[in-house]
Amino acid sequence: MGWGFVTKCWGAYVVAILGTSVASVGMWLESFGIFPYPESAILWYVWPIMYAAYALGPTYQVEAARVALDRLDDLGMEFKSDAAMRPN
């Protein structure tokens, strides 16, 4: 499938879901005392990365749609609702 925007979209979602799962398990281990405080502080820095990954998914999807519309324009085809996708 390559490294196009659709692949990046799903890759961002995979990273976000797996990272959220790992961070949640880490918080569970911390609450039961298995993963003590000083070492568990690394979990605080995982969450912003997951937020960014969740935000990148839709961003890549919108870019994929814009690239597809640009390719239609290059072929001389018109897409009726592309005015909603393009800012003026």
Protein backbone atom coordinates (compact mmCIF):
# COMPACT_ATOMS: atom_id res chain seq x y z
CA MET A 1 0.00 0.00 0.00
CA GLY A 2 3.00 2.31 0.34
CA TRP A 3 3.47 5.27 2.65
CA GLY A 4 0.61 7.41 1.40
CA PHE A 5 -1.69 9.46 3.56
CA VAL A 6 -4.17 6.60 4.09
CA THR A 7 -1.40 4.35 5.40
CA LYS A 8 -0.14 7.14 7.65
CA CYS A 9 -3.68 7.69 8.91
CA TRP A 10 -4.11 4.08 10.01
CA GLY A 11 -0.53 3.97 11.31
CA ALA A 12 -1.24 6.96 13.54
CA TYR A 13 -4.34 5.25 14.91
CA VAL A 14 -2.38 2.05 15.58
CA VAL A 15 0.35 3.97 17.41
CA ALA A 16 -2.26 5.85 19.44
CA ILE A 17 -4.22 2.73 20.40
CA LEU A 18 -1.16 0.67 21.29
CA GLY A 19 0.41 3.54 23.19
CA THR A 20 -2.78 4.16 25.13
CA SER A 21 -2.94 0.47 26.00
CA VAL A 22 0.66 0.40 27.19
CA ALA A 23 0.19 3.57 29.25
CA SER A 24 -3.02 2.20 30.78
CA VAL A 25 -1.30 -1.03 31.76
CA GLY A 26 1.52 1.04 33.27
CA MET A 27 -0.98 3.03 35.32
CA TRP A 28 -2.62 -0.21 36.46
CA LEU A 29 0.77 -1.59 37.51
CA GLU A 30 1.49 1.65 39.35
CA SER A 31 -1.79 1.54 41.26
CA PHE A 32 -0.98 -1.97 42.51
CA GLY A 33 2.56 -0.99 43.50
CA ILE A 34 4.28 -3.18 40.91
CA PHE A 35 5.65 -0.17 38.99
CA PRO A 36 6.79 2.31 41.69
CA TYR A 37 6.58 6.08 41.51
CA PRO A 38 9.97 7.29 40.29
CA GLU A 39 10.01 4.87 37.37
CA SER A 40 6.34 5.35 36.55
CA ALA A 41 6.83 9.07 35.97
CA ILE A 42 7.75 8.22 32.37
CA LEU A 43 4.04 7.51 31.81
CA TRP A 44 3.31 11.23 32.14
CA TYR A 45 5.26 11.84 28.94
CA VAL A 46 3.53 9.09 26.98
CA TRP A 47 0.08 10.71 26.99
CA PRO A 48 0.94 13.82 24.91
CA ILE A 49 2.45 11.54 22.25
CA MET A 50 -0.79 9.56 22.14
CA TYR A 51 -2.85 12.76 21.90
CA ALA A 52 -0.75 13.83 18.94
CA ALA A 53 -1.17 10.43 17.27
CA TYR A 54 -4.96 10.61 17.70
CA ALA A 55 -4.91 14.09 16.14
CA LEU A 56 -2.75 12.99 13.20
CA GLY A 57 -5.16 10.27 12.04
CA PRO A 58 -7.93 12.59 10.79
CA THR A 59 -5.35 15.07 9.53
CA TYR A 60 -3.81 12.48 7.24
CA GLN A 61 -7.28 11.42 6.12
CA VAL A 62 -8.18 14.98 5.10
CA GLU A 63 -4.89 15.29 3.22
CA ALA A 64 -5.61 12.02 1.42
CA ALA A 65 -8.96 13.43 0.29
CA ARG A 66 -7.33 16.64 -0.91
CA VAL A 67 -4.70 14.73 -2.88
CA ALA A 68 -7.46 12.65 -4.50
CA LEU A 69 -9.37 15.81 -5.44
CA ASP A 70 -6.23 17.39 -6.87
CA ARG A 71 -5.66 14.30 -9.01
CA LEU A 72 -9.22 14.53 -10.30
CA ASP A 73 -8.60 18.18 -11.16
CA ASP A 74 -5.40 17.23 -13.01
CA LEU A 75 -7.38 14.74 -15.08
CA GLY A 76 -9.92 17.43 -15.95
CA MET A 77 -12.72 15.84 -13.95
CA GLU A 78 -14.95 17.84 -11.68
CA PHE A 79 -16.10 16.84 -8.25
CA LYS A 80 -19.29 18.60 -7.25
CA SER A 81 -18.71 18.93 -3.50
CA ASP A 82 -15.04 19.90 -3.59
CA ALA A 83 -15.98 23.47 -2.62
CA ALA A 84 -16.66 22.16 0.86
CA MET A 85 -13.14 20.68 1.05
CA ARG A 86 -11.18 23.68 -0.18
CA PRO A 87 -10.85 26.90 1.78
CA ASN A 88 -10.96 30.13 -0.18
